[in-house]
Every structure is written in C-alpha cells, then in structure tokens.
Protein backbone atom coordinates (compact mmCIF):
# COMPACT_ATOMS: atom_id res chain seq x y z
CA UNK A 1 9.22 -0.91 4.14
CA UNK A 2 8.39 -4.56 3.03
CA UNK A 3 11.77 -6.30 3.32
CA UNK A 4 11.36 -6.36 6.92
CA UNK A 5 10.66 -8.08 9.69
CA UNK A 6 6.94 -6.06 11.10
CA UNK A 7 7.11 -4.21 14.03
CA UNK A 8 11.21 -4.16 13.70
CA UNK A 9 11.82 -1.26 11.15
CA UNK A 10 12.07 2.59 12.79
CA UNK A 11 11.90 5.41 10.04
CA UNK A 12 15.00 8.03 10.34
CA UNK A 13 13.05 11.12 10.62
CA UNK A 14 15.03 14.34 10.28
CA UNK A 15 13.59 18.22 10.21
CA UNK A 16 10.51 16.59 9.37
CA UNK A 17 11.37 14.31 6.27
CA UNK A 18 12.11 10.66 6.68
CA UNK A 19 15.22 10.19 4.82
CA UNK A 20 15.90 7.02 5.59
CA UNK A 21 14.61 3.15 7.16
CA UNK A 22 16.37 0.18 8.93
CA UNK A 23 15.50 -2.99 10.15
CA UNK A 24 15.79 -6.27 10.35
CA UNK A 25 15.87 -7.35 6.82
CA UNK A 26 14.09 -10.44 5.85
CA UNK A 27 15.68 -13.55 5.36
CA UNK A 28 13.52 -14.58 1.67
C-alpha cells in the first residue's frame, strides 16, 4: 500500500484471501 513505507508492511492473509494490511504509516 502506498501510504506505508516500502518494506515495512505485511498483508493479512486468511484462508487464501487478503483481508487487510498493516505497516508503519508514512508521516506525509
């Protein structure tokens, strides 16, 4: 996701589907 720092994110996969993502939010 573009709002996160590159390399500081992870997708949340549940039963083979991406249900969300988390990471360090970019300060901009």
